[in-house]
Amino acid sequence: MKAFEELLEHFLAYLSIERGLAENSLLAYKQDLLKYRDFLKNRLTLSKIKRKDIMEFLFAEKKKDAASSSIARRLVAIKLFHRFLVKEGELKEDITSVLDSPKTWRKLPHFLSLEEVIKMLELPNLRKADGIRDRALLELFYATGLRVSEIAKLKSEDVNLEAGFLKCMGKGSKERIVPVGAKCREALERYLNRVRVKSSFVLEPVLFLGRSRGGITRQALWQMIKRYARLAGITRKISPHTLRHSFATHMLERGADLRVVQELLGHSDIATTQIYTHIDKNRLKSIHEKYHPRG
């Protein structure tokens, strides 16, 4: 098993890129998990930790007069860390799954307006190979709601443009089929026919290629989205997940069934998808307050 510090750095990169956590939150989780590491030092390795060890750690923090909110956040950090390690194949079992976690993690996700999304989609320069690829990537993010890790792992054989579908491997190694809209198909066809086929390493199985030999990385996808958001004049914080949130929000705003959106996003629990209905209700309330004469 890799060293704790190396696993922690990978975990923090995941939180930053895929979950879009702010620097302050990342630093707080890092400090929480370093305290967890120090408690376990000379006692246990990650693979041998039991639930009672985690509870002993939290109780020790309580004896040090740590605030209840800090202890709650440390439990969230530990649960997320263990879940991540199972997902990455470093641990076989998530022993934290039955530990009650305070509802401090879930908050309303940020999303873009349709106008902001369109502005971003139209920015890539289609006279350049990178621009053609970037347009296809942005269209795919918004058309499918795929996670950044799912797009990075997509293979050419996973996409059937004639049928208008793609298949992807989501969390828990669950495969799902996702439809691809007309605009996205057009962008993907342009990329495949004008860029991908001419690549010097076309035998690489992944669909999207980076500048170096091999597939595009999650970090490169994150930087690409941030660059186009900045060019579009979007000043608030944005991540690859912002386009996923925008996809779900816009679908529900236009009347899509919640169960369908759940299936498209690959959520195992519909409660995860229901957060987008809260966004819609907040938006309706703000519109009512703005336009109703006695709002």
C-alpha atoms as a PDB file:
ATOM      1  CA  MET A   1       0.000   0.000   0.000  1.00  0.00           C
ATOM      2  CA  LYS A   2       1.238   3.514  -0.797  1.00  0.00           C
ATOM      3  CA  ALA A   3       2.439   5.831   1.961  1.00  0.00           C
ATOM      4  CA  PHE A   4      -0.218   7.840   3.798  1.00  0.00           C
ATOM      5  CA  GLU A   5       1.229  11.145   2.575  1.00  0.00           C
ATOM      6  CA  GLU A   6       1.086  10.056  -1.085  1.00  0.00           C
ATOM      7  CA  LEU A   7      -2.503   8.843  -0.740  1.00  0.00           C
ATOM      8  CA  LEU A   8      -3.435  12.084   0.979  1.00  0.00           C
ATOM      9  CA  GLU A   9      -2.028  14.184  -1.874  1.00  0.00           C
ATOM     10  CA  HIS A  10      -4.009  12.133  -4.428  1.00  0.00           C
ATOM     11  CA  PHE A  11      -7.144  12.569  -2.312  1.00  0.00           C
ATOM     12  CA  LEU A  12      -6.703  16.333  -2.055  1.00  0.00           C
ATOM     13  CA  ALA A  13      -6.192  16.560  -5.832  1.00  0.00           C
ATOM     14  CA  TYR A  14      -9.458  14.628  -6.288  1.00  0.00           C
ATOM     15  CA  LEU A  15     -11.329  17.000  -3.961  1.00  0.00           C
ATOM     16  CA  SER A  16      -9.934  20.006  -5.781  1.00  0.00           C
ATOM     17  CA  ILE A  17     -10.499  18.842  -9.350  1.00  0.00           C
ATOM     18  CA  GLU A  18     -13.635  16.698  -9.190  1.00  0.00           C
ATOM     19  CA  ARG A  19     -15.434  18.200  -6.213  1.00  0.00           C
ATOM     20  CA  GLY A  20     -14.279  21.778  -6.739  1.00  0.00           C
ATOM     21  CA  LEU A  21     -13.440  22.418  -3.069  1.00  0.00           C
ATOM     22  CA  ALA A  22     -12.004  25.802  -2.154  1.00  0.00           C
ATOM     23  CA  GLU A  23      -8.422  26.164  -0.911  1.00  0.00           C
ATOM     24  CA  ASN A  24      -9.551  26.795   2.671  1.00  0.00           C
ATOM     25  CA  SER A  25     -11.630  23.601   2.710  1.00  0.00           C
ATOM     26  CA  LEU A  26      -8.765  21.589   1.233  1.00  0.00           C
ATOM     27  CA  LEU A  27      -6.391  22.923   3.883  1.00  0.00           C
ATOM     28  CA  ALA A  28      -8.869  22.085   6.652  1.00  0.00           C
ATOM     29  CA  TYR A  29      -9.325  18.508   5.404  1.00  0.00           C
ATOM     30  CA  LYS A  30      -5.566  18.129   5.049  1.00  0.00           C
ATOM     31  CA  GLN A  31      -5.007  19.220   8.653  1.00  0.00           C
ATOM     32  CA  ASP A  32      -7.784  16.910   9.864  1.00  0.00           C
ATOM     33  CA  LEU A  33      -6.276  13.911   8.087  1.00  0.00           C
ATOM     34  CA  LEU A  34      -2.759  14.708   9.277  1.00  0.00           C
ATOM     35  CA  LYS A  35      -4.124  14.621  12.841  1.00  0.00           C
ATOM     36  CA  TYR A  36      -5.693  11.254  11.958  1.00  0.00           C
ATOM     37  CA  ARG A  37      -2.327  10.039  10.650  1.00  0.00           C
ATOM     38  CA  ASP A  38      -0.488  11.198  13.788  1.00  0.00           C
ATOM     39  CA  PHE A  39      -3.014   9.391  16.002  1.00  0.00           C
ATOM     40  CA  LEU A  40      -2.535   6.146  14.066  1.00  0.00           C
ATOM     41  CA  LYS A  41       1.253   6.420  13.857  1.00  0.00           C
ATOM     42  CA  ASN A  42       3.113   3.472  15.388  1.00  0.00           C
ATOM     43  CA  ARG A  43      -0.252   1.797  15.985  1.00  0.00           C
ATOM     44  CA  LEU A  44      -1.945   0.740  12.770  1.00  0.00           C
ATOM     45  CA  THR A  45      -1.718   0.929   9.002  1.00  0.00           C
ATOM     46  CA  LEU A  46      -4.709   2.134   6.994  1.00  0.00           C
ATOM     47  CA  SER A  47      -5.488  -1.406   5.878  1.00  0.00           C
ATOM     48  CA  LYS A  48      -5.813  -2.612   9.492  1.00  0.00           C
ATOM     49  CA  ILE A  49      -7.907   0.217  10.924  1.00  0.00           C
ATOM     50  CA  LYS A  50     -11.195  -0.743  12.594  1.00  0.00           C
ATOM     51  CA  ARG A  51     -14.219   1.421  13.309  1.00  0.00           C
ATOM     52  CA  LYS A  52     -13.333   1.516  17.001  1.00  0.00           C
ATOM     53  CA  ASP A  53      -9.974   3.112  16.122  1.00  0.00           C
ATOM     54  CA  ILE A  54     -11.741   5.949  14.326  1.00  0.00           C
ATOM     55  CA  MET A  55     -14.075   6.449  17.282  1.00  0.00           C
ATOM     56  CA  GLU A  56     -11.057   6.479  19.636  1.00  0.00           C
ATOM     57  CA  PHE A  57      -9.475   9.188  17.487  1.00  0.00           C
ATOM     58  CA  LEU A  58     -12.619  11.336  17.598  1.00  0.00           C
ATOM     59  CA  PHE A  59     -12.943  10.810  21.360  1.00  0.00           C
ATOM     60  CA  ALA A  60      -9.285  11.840  21.803  1.00  0.00           C
ATOM     61  CA  GLU A  61     -10.015  15.031  19.849  1.00  0.00           C
ATOM     62  CA  LYS A  62     -12.977  15.710  22.131  1.00  0.00           C
ATOM     63  CA  LYS A  63     -10.730  15.334  25.200  1.00  0.00           C
ATOM     64  CA  LYS A  64      -8.463  17.985  23.667  1.00  0.00           C
ATOM     65  CA  ASP A  65     -11.478  20.335  23.742  1.00  0.00           C
ATOM     66  CA  ALA A  66     -11.858  20.432  19.949  1.00  0.00           C
ATOM     67  CA  ALA A  67     -15.084  22.161  18.906  1.00  0.00           C
ATOM     68  CA  SER A  68     -18.017  19.913  17.968  1.00  0.00           C
ATOM     69  CA  SER A  69     -18.013  21.374  14.453  1.00  0.00           C
ATOM     70  CA  SER A  70     -14.302  20.524  14.092  1.00  0.00           C
ATOM     71  CA  ILE A  71     -14.870  16.930  15.212  1.00  0.00           C
ATOM     72  CA  ALA A  72     -17.796  16.640  12.798  1.00  0.00           C
ATOM     73  CA  ARG A  73     -15.605  17.908   9.955  1.00  0.00           C
ATOM     74  CA  ARG A  74     -12.837  15.437  10.868  1.00  0.00           C
ATOM     75  CA  LEU A  75     -15.322  12.584  10.639  1.00  0.00           C
ATOM     76  CA  VAL A  76     -16.447  13.841   7.226  1.00  0.00           C
ATOM     77  CA  ALA A  77     -12.797  14.046   6.097  1.00  0.00           C
ATOM     78  CA  ILE A  78     -12.109  10.494   7.280  1.00  0.00           C
ATOM     79  CA  LYS A  79     -15.239   9.107   5.616  1.00  0.00           C
ATOM     80  CA  LEU A  80     -14.424  10.811   2.321  1.00  0.00           C
ATOM     81  CA  PHE A  81     -10.817   9.645   2.507  1.00  0.00           C
ATOM     82  CA  HIS A  82     -11.740   6.015   3.130  1.00  0.00           C
ATOM     83  CA  ARG A  83     -14.400   6.097   0.399  1.00  0.00           C
ATOM     84  CA  PHE A  84     -11.791   7.483  -1.995  1.00  0.00           C
ATOM     85  CA  LEU A  85      -9.257   4.763  -1.067  1.00  0.00           C
ATOM     86  CA  VAL A  86     -11.833   2.032  -1.769  1.00  0.00           C
ATOM     87  CA  LYS A  87     -12.696   3.669  -5.101  1.00  0.00           C
ATOM     88  CA  GLU A  88      -8.993   3.769  -6.018  1.00  0.00           C
ATOM     89  CA  GLY A  89      -8.504   0.109  -5.046  1.00  0.00           C
ATOM     90  CA  GLU A  90      -6.210   0.883  -2.092  1.00  0.00           C
ATOM     91  CA  LEU A  91      -8.668  -0.543   0.451  1.00  0.00           C
ATOM     92  CA  LYS A  92     -11.054  -3.459   0.016  1.00  0.00           C
ATOM     93  CA  GLU A  93     -13.781  -2.253   2.364  1.00  0.00           C
ATOM     94  CA  ASP A  94     -15.127   1.119   3.468  1.00  0.00           C
ATOM     95  CA  ILE A  95     -15.334   0.645   7.230  1.00  0.00           C
ATOM     96  CA  THR A  96     -16.686   4.174   7.662  1.00  0.00           C
ATOM     97  CA  SER A  97     -19.856   3.577   5.638  1.00  0.00           C
ATOM     98  CA  VAL A  98     -21.942   2.759   8.731  1.00  0.00           C
ATOM     99  CA  LEU A  99     -20.637   5.685  10.783  1.00  0.00           C
ATOM    100  CA  ASP A 100     -23.203   8.467  11.047  1.00  0.00           C
ATOM    101  CA  SER A 101     -21.905  11.576   9.372  1.00  0.00           C
ATOM    102  CA  PRO A 102     -23.229  15.077  10.049  1.00  0.00           C
ATOM    103  CA  LYS A 103     -24.879  16.750   7.088  1.00  0.00           C
ATOM    104  CA  THR A 104     -22.183  19.397   6.735  1.00  0.00           C
ATOM    105  CA  TRP A 105     -20.857  18.160   3.401  1.00  0.00           C
ATOM    106  CA  ARG A 106     -23.898  18.619   1.214  1.00  0.00           C
ATOM    107  CA  LYS A 107     -24.541  22.130   0.007  1.00  0.00           C
ATOM    108  CA  LEU A 108     -26.259  23.615  -3.013  1.00  0.00           C
ATOM    109  CA  PRO A 109     -23.925  23.183  -5.983  1.00  0.00           C
ATOM    110  CA  HIS A 110     -22.983  26.094  -8.202  1.00  0.00           C
ATOM    111  CA  PHE A 111     -24.235  26.049 -11.779  1.00  0.00           C
ATOM    112  CA  LEU A 112     -24.084  28.289 -14.843  1.00  0.00           C
ATOM    113  CA  SER A 113     -26.900  29.979 -16.686  1.00  0.00           C
ATOM    114  CA  LEU A 114     -27.669  28.749 -20.195  1.00  0.00           C
ATOM    115  CA  GLU A 115     -26.211  31.973 -21.590  1.00  0.00           C
ATOM    116  CA  GLU A 116     -22.932  31.422 -19.717  1.00  0.00           C
ATOM    117  CA  VAL A 117     -22.699  27.821 -20.930  1.00  0.00           C
ATOM    118  CA  ILE A 118     -23.295  28.816 -24.560  1.00  0.00           C
ATOM    119  CA  LYS A 119     -20.682  31.565 -24.285  1.00  0.00           C
ATOM    120  CA  MET A 120     -18.120  29.020 -23.086  1.00  0.00           C
ATOM    121  CA  LEU A 121     -19.049  26.484 -25.765  1.00  0.00           C
ATOM    122  CA  GLU A 122     -18.527  28.999 -28.551  1.00  0.00           C
ATOM    123  CA  LEU A 123     -15.084  30.159 -27.418  1.00  0.00           C
ATOM    124  CA  PRO A 124     -12.751  27.389 -28.725  1.00  0.00           C
ATOM    125  CA  ASN A 125     -11.018  28.273 -31.998  1.00  0.00           C
ATOM    126  CA  LEU A 126     -12.184  25.683 -34.555  1.00  0.00           C
ATOM    127  CA  ARG A 127      -9.303  26.569 -36.876  1.00  0.00           C
ATOM    128  CA  LYS A 128      -6.903  24.908 -34.447  1.00  0.00           C
ATOM    129  CA  ALA A 129      -6.644  21.258 -33.408  1.00  0.00           C
ATOM    130  CA  ASP A 130      -6.731  22.101 -29.692  1.00  0.00           C
ATOM    131  CA  GLY A 131      -9.798  24.270 -30.234  1.00  0.00           C
ATOM    132  CA  ILE A 132     -11.626  21.468 -32.051  1.00  0.00           C
ATOM    133  CA  ARG A 133     -10.809  19.075 -29.213  1.00  0.00           C
ATOM    134  CA  ASP A 134     -11.792  21.603 -26.542  1.00  0.00           C
ATOM    135  CA  ARG A 135     -15.148  22.307 -28.208  1.00  0.00           C
ATOM    136  CA  ALA A 136     -15.875  18.568 -28.274  1.00  0.00           C
ATOM    137  CA  LEU A 137     -14.920  18.271 -24.597  1.00  0.00           C
ATOM    138  CA  LEU A 138     -17.035  21.205 -23.466  1.00  0.00           C
ATOM    139  CA  GLU A 139     -20.014  20.012 -25.502  1.00  0.00           C
ATOM    140  CA  LEU A 140     -19.626  16.536 -24.014  1.00  0.00           C
ATOM    141  CA  PHE A 141     -19.463  17.822 -20.425  1.00  0.00           C
ATOM    142  CA  TYR A 142     -22.656  19.809 -20.867  1.00  0.00           C
ATOM    143  CA  ALA A 143     -24.531  17.317 -23.084  1.00  0.00           C
ATOM    144  CA  THR A 144     -24.018  14.303 -20.830  1.00  0.00           C
ATOM    145  CA  GLY A 145     -23.275  15.487 -17.293  1.00  0.00           C
ATOM    146  CA  LEU A 146     -20.367  13.033 -17.101  1.00  0.00           C
ATOM    147  CA  ARG A 147     -17.855  13.351 -14.282  1.00  0.00           C
ATOM    148  CA  VAL A 148     -14.375  14.580 -15.182  1.00  0.00           C
ATOM    149  CA  SER A 149     -12.887  11.153 -14.373  1.00  0.00           C
ATOM    150  CA  GLU A 150     -15.447   9.464 -16.641  1.00  0.00           C
ATOM    151  CA  ILE A 151     -14.588  11.718 -19.582  1.00  0.00           C
ATOM    152  CA  ALA A 152     -10.843  11.261 -19.033  1.00  0.00           C
ATOM    153  CA  LYS A 153     -11.299   7.469 -19.194  1.00  0.00           C
ATOM    154  CA  LEU A 154     -13.602   7.395 -22.234  1.00  0.00           C
ATOM    155  CA  LYS A 155     -12.350   5.204 -25.085  1.00  0.00           C
ATOM    156  CA  SER A 156     -13.065   5.738 -28.752  1.00  0.00           C
ATOM    157  CA  GLU A 157     -15.007   2.479 -28.824  1.00  0.00           C
ATOM    158  CA  ASP A 158     -17.303   3.736 -26.047  1.00  0.00           C
ATOM    159  CA  VAL A 159     -18.917   6.298 -28.343  1.00  0.00           C
ATOM    160  CA  ASN A 160     -21.492   5.349 -30.984  1.00  0.00           C
ATOM    161  CA  LEU A 161     -22.246   8.579 -32.825  1.00  0.00           C
ATOM    162  CA  GLU A 162     -24.506   6.891 -35.351  1.00  0.00           C
ATOM    163  CA  ALA A 163     -26.794   5.680 -32.574  1.00  0.00           C
ATOM    164  CA  GLY A 164     -26.251   8.857 -30.544  1.00  0.00           C
ATOM    165  CA  PHE A 165     -25.137   7.109 -27.348  1.00  0.00           C
ATOM    166  CA  LEU A 166     -22.011   6.504 -25.323  1.00  0.00           C
ATOM    167  CA  LYS A 167     -21.265   4.127 -22.485  1.00  0.00           C
ATOM    168  CA  CYS A 168     -19.191   5.048 -19.476  1.00  0.00           C
ATOM    169  CA  MET A 169     -17.951   3.375 -16.338  1.00  0.00           C
ATOM    170  CA  GLY A 170     -19.110   5.313 -13.294  1.00  0.00           C
ATOM    171  CA  LYS A 171     -18.609   4.974  -9.560  1.00  0.00           C
ATOM    172  CA  GLY A 172     -18.621   1.448  -8.213  1.00  0.00           C
ATOM    173  CA  SER A 173     -17.692   0.133 -11.677  1.00  0.00           C
ATOM    174  CA  LYS A 174     -21.291   0.642 -12.800  1.00  0.00           C
ATOM    175  CA  GLU A 175     -21.687   0.993 -16.533  1.00  0.00           C
ATOM    176  CA  ARG A 176     -24.388   3.278 -17.880  1.00  0.00           C
ATOM    177  CA  ILE A 177     -25.575   4.384 -21.313  1.00  0.00           C
ATOM    178  CA  VAL A 178     -25.929   8.126 -21.894  1.00  0.00           C
ATOM    179  CA  PRO A 179     -27.481   9.825 -24.937  1.00  0.00           C
ATOM    180  CA  VAL A 180     -25.441  12.381 -26.887  1.00  0.00           C
ATOM    181  CA  GLY A 181     -27.291  15.344 -28.418  1.00  0.00           C
ATOM    182  CA  ALA A 182     -26.985  16.661 -31.967  1.00  0.00           C
ATOM    183  CA  LYS A 183     -24.636  19.562 -31.181  1.00  0.00           C
ATOM    184  CA  CYS A 184     -22.347  17.304 -29.182  1.00  0.00           C
ATOM    185  CA  ARG A 185     -22.334  14.647 -31.927  1.00  0.00           C
ATOM    186  CA  GLU A 186     -21.362  17.307 -34.446  1.00  0.00           C
ATOM    187  CA  ALA A 187     -18.459  18.466 -32.248  1.00  0.00           C
ATOM    188  CA  LEU A 188     -17.287  14.892 -31.623  1.00  0.00           C
ATOM    189  CA  GLU A 189     -17.416  14.024 -35.330  1.00  0.00           C
ATOM    190  CA  ARG A 190     -15.344  17.104 -36.129  1.00  0.00           C
ATOM    191  CA  TYR A 191     -12.771  16.099 -33.496  1.00  0.00           C
ATOM    192  CA  LEU A 192     -12.628  12.452 -34.599  1.00  0.00           C
ATOM    193  CA  ASN A 193     -12.378  13.210 -38.333  1.00  0.00           C
ATOM    194  CA  ARG A 194     -10.106  16.235 -38.260  1.00  0.00           C
ATOM    195  CA  VAL A 195      -7.923  15.764 -35.182  1.00  0.00           C
ATOM    196  CA  ARG A 196      -8.093  12.326 -33.594  1.00  0.00           C
ATOM    197  CA  VAL A 197      -7.527  10.370 -36.817  1.00  0.00           C
ATOM    198  CA  LYS A 198      -4.416  12.421 -37.645  1.00  0.00           C
ATOM    199  CA  SER A 199      -2.755  11.899 -34.277  1.00  0.00           C
ATOM    200  CA  SER A 200       0.732  10.430 -34.279  1.00  0.00           C
ATOM    201  CA  PHE A 201      -0.359   8.132 -31.451  1.00  0.00           C
ATOM    202  CA  VAL A 202      -3.795   7.264 -32.769  1.00  0.00           C
ATOM    203  CA  LEU A 203      -3.496   3.717 -31.393  1.00  0.00           C
ATOM    204  CA  GLU A 204      -3.989   5.139 -27.890  1.00  0.00           C
ATOM    205  CA  PRO A 205      -7.423   3.740 -26.874  1.00  0.00           C
ATOM    206  CA  VAL A 206      -8.649   6.808 -24.954  1.00  0.00           C
ATOM    207  CA  LEU A 207     -10.918   9.182 -26.851  1.00  0.00           C
ATOM    208  CA  PHE A 208      -9.370  12.493 -25.818  1.00  0.00           C
ATOM    209  CA  LEU A 209      -5.646  13.013 -26.119  1.00  0.00           C
ATOM    210  CA  GLY A 210      -3.457  15.402 -24.183  1.00  0.00           C
ATOM    211  CA  ARG A 211      -0.474  17.353 -25.401  1.00  0.00           C
ATOM    212  CA  SER A 212       1.935  14.703 -24.174  1.00  0.00           C
ATOM    213  CA  ARG A 213       1.738  11.104 -25.289  1.00  0.00           C
ATOM    214  CA  GLY A 214      -1.403   9.541 -23.820  1.00  0.00           C
ATOM    215  CA  GLY A 215      -4.872  10.547 -22.707  1.00  0.00           C
ATOM    216  CA  ILE A 216      -5.854  13.931 -21.351  1.00  0.00           C
ATOM    217  CA  THR A 217      -5.585  14.154 -17.562  1.00  0.00           C
ATOM    218  CA  ARG A 218      -8.180  15.301 -15.044  1.00  0.00           C
ATOM    219  CA  GLN A 219      -5.896  18.203 -14.139  1.00  0.00           C
ATOM    220  CA  ALA A 220      -5.687  19.300 -17.783  1.00  0.00           C
ATOM    221  CA  LEU A 221      -9.493  19.141 -18.099  1.00  0.00           C
ATOM    222  CA  TRP A 222      -9.870  21.275 -14.989  1.00  0.00           C
ATOM    223  CA  GLN A 223      -7.414  23.879 -16.293  1.00  0.00           C
ATOM    224  CA  MET A 224      -9.155  23.939 -19.685  1.00  0.00           C
ATOM    225  CA  ILE A 225     -12.559  24.646 -18.147  1.00  0.00           C
ATOM    226  CA  LYS A 226     -11.139  27.350 -15.882  1.00  0.00           C
ATOM    227  CA  ARG A 227      -9.476  29.015 -18.890  1.00  0.00           C
ATOM    228  CA  TYR A 228     -12.656  29.138 -20.980  1.00  0.00           C
ATOM    229  CA  ALA A 229     -14.712  30.306 -17.996  1.00  0.00           C
ATOM    230  CA  ARG A 230     -12.291  33.183 -17.519  1.00  0.00           C
ATOM    231  CA  LEU A 231     -12.453  34.046 -21.237  1.00  0.00           C
ATOM    232  CA  ALA A 232     -16.258  33.989 -21.001  1.00  0.00           C
ATOM    233  CA  GLY A 233     -16.101  36.582 -18.253  1.00  0.00           C
ATOM    234  CA  ILE A 234     -17.238  34.198 -15.505  1.00  0.00           C
ATOM    235  CA  THR A 235     -15.516  35.459 -12.372  1.00  0.00           C
ATOM    236  CA  ARG A 236     -16.877  33.072  -9.727  1.00  0.00           C
ATOM    237  CA  LYS A 237     -15.166  29.773  -8.926  1.00  0.00           C
ATOM    238  CA  ILE A 238     -15.818  27.044 -11.498  1.00  0.00           C
ATOM    239  CA  SER A 239     -14.790  23.401 -11.845  1.00  0.00           C
ATOM    240  CA  PRO A 240     -15.574  20.502 -14.201  1.00  0.00           C
ATOM    241  CA  HIS A 241     -18.396  19.586 -11.824  1.00  0.00           C
ATOM    242  CA  THR A 242     -19.994  22.988 -12.493  1.00  0.00           C
ATOM    243  CA  LEU A 243     -20.918  21.836 -15.998  1.00  0.00           C
ATOM    244  CA  ARG A 244     -22.324  18.600 -14.540  1.00  0.00           C
ATOM    245  CA  HIS A 245     -24.418  20.655 -12.109  1.00  0.00           C
ATOM    246  CA  SER A 246     -25.526  22.922 -14.969  1.00  0.00           C
ATOM    247  CA  PHE A 247     -26.569  19.909 -17.055  1.00  0.00           C
ATOM    248  CA  ALA A 248     -28.742  18.512 -14.249  1.00  0.00           C
ATOM    249  CA  THR A 249     -30.234  21.867 -13.271  1.00  0.00           C
ATOM    250  CA  HIS A 250     -31.145  22.844 -16.829  1.00  0.00           C
ATOM    251  CA  MET A 251     -32.691  19.425 -17.491  1.00  0.00           C
ATOM    252  CA  LEU A 252     -34.937  19.671 -14.423  1.00  0.00           C
ATOM    253  CA  GLU A 253     -35.829  23.300 -15.150  1.00  0.00           C
ATOM    254  CA  ARG A 254     -37.182  22.181 -18.504  1.00  0.00           C
ATOM    255  CA  GLY A 255     -39.330  19.428 -17.068  1.00  0.00           C
ATOM    256  CA  ALA A 256     -37.121  16.320 -17.104  1.00  0.00           C
ATOM    257  CA  ASP A 257     -38.172  13.557 -14.714  1.00  0.00           C
ATOM    258  CA  LEU A 258     -36.000  13.331 -11.602  1.00  0.00           C
ATOM    259  CA  ARG A 259     -35.513   9.569 -12.053  1.00  0.00           C
ATOM    260  CA  VAL A 260     -34.252  10.107 -15.603  1.00  0.00           C
ATOM    261  CA  VAL A 261     -31.736  12.715 -14.441  1.00  0.00           C
ATOM    262  CA  GLN A 262     -30.662  10.314 -11.673  1.00  0.00           C
ATOM    263  CA  GLU A 263     -29.991   7.616 -14.285  1.00  0.00           C
ATOM    264  CA  LEU A 264     -28.091  10.012 -16.565  1.00  0.00           C
ATOM    265  CA  LEU A 265     -25.888  11.245 -13.726  1.00  0.00           C
ATOM    266  CA  GLY A 266     -25.220   7.742 -12.443  1.00  0.00           C
ATOM    267  CA  HIS A 267     -26.451   8.467  -8.904  1.00  0.00           C
ATOM    268  CA  SER A 268     -27.158   5.304  -6.925  1.00  0.00           C
ATOM    269  CA  ASP A 269     -29.396   7.234  -4.492  1.00  0.00           C
ATOM    270  CA  ILE A 270     -32.094   9.586  -5.748  1.00  0.00           C
ATOM    271  CA  ALA A 271     -31.541  11.745  -2.650  1.00  0.00           C
ATOM    272  CA  THR A 272     -28.281  12.858  -4.251  1.00  0.00           C
ATOM    273  CA  THR A 273     -30.167  14.000  -7.348  1.00  0.00           C
ATOM    274  CA  GLN A 274     -32.866  15.745  -5.321  1.00  0.00           C
ATOM    275  CA  ILE A 275     -30.445  18.499  -4.353  1.00  0.00           C
ATOM    276  CA  TYR A 276     -31.024  19.966  -7.816  1.00  0.00           C
ATOM    277  CA  THR A 277     -34.730  20.361  -7.082  1.00  0.00           C
ATOM    278  CA  HIS A 278     -33.752  22.644  -4.202  1.00  0.00           C
ATOM    279  CA  ILE A 279     -31.807  24.793  -6.658  1.00  0.00           C
ATOM    280  CA  ASP A 280     -34.859  25.011  -8.895  1.00  0.00           C
ATOM    281  CA  LYS A 281     -37.081  26.015  -5.975  1.00  0.00           C
ATOM    282  CA  ASN A 282     -34.616  28.705  -4.923  1.00  0.00           C
ATOM    283  CA  ARG A 283     -34.529  30.018  -8.480  1.00  0.00           C
ATOM    284  CA  LEU A 284     -38.345  30.105  -8.672  1.00  0.00           C
ATOM    285  CA  LYS A 285     -38.456  31.989  -5.387  1.00  0.00           C
ATOM    286  CA  SER A 286     -35.940  34.584  -6.570  1.00  0.00           C
ATOM    287  CA  ILE A 287     -37.883  35.074  -9.828  1.00  0.00           C
ATOM    288  CA  HIS A 288     -41.117  35.479  -7.863  1.00  0.00           C
ATOM    289  CA  GLU A 289     -39.532  38.068  -5.577  1.00  0.00           C
ATOM    290  CA  LYS A 290     -38.095  39.958  -8.528  1.00  0.00           C
ATOM    291  CA  TYR A 291     -41.154  40.111 -10.760  1.00  0.00           C
ATOM    292  CA  HIS A 292     -44.213  39.856  -8.505  1.00  0.00           C
ATOM    293  CA  PRO A 293     -45.565  43.303  -7.589  1.00  0.00           C
ATOM    294  CA  ARG A 294     -45.779  42.285  -3.941  1.00  0.00           C
ATOM    295  CA  GLY A 295     -42.897  39.853  -3.951  1.00  0.00           C
END
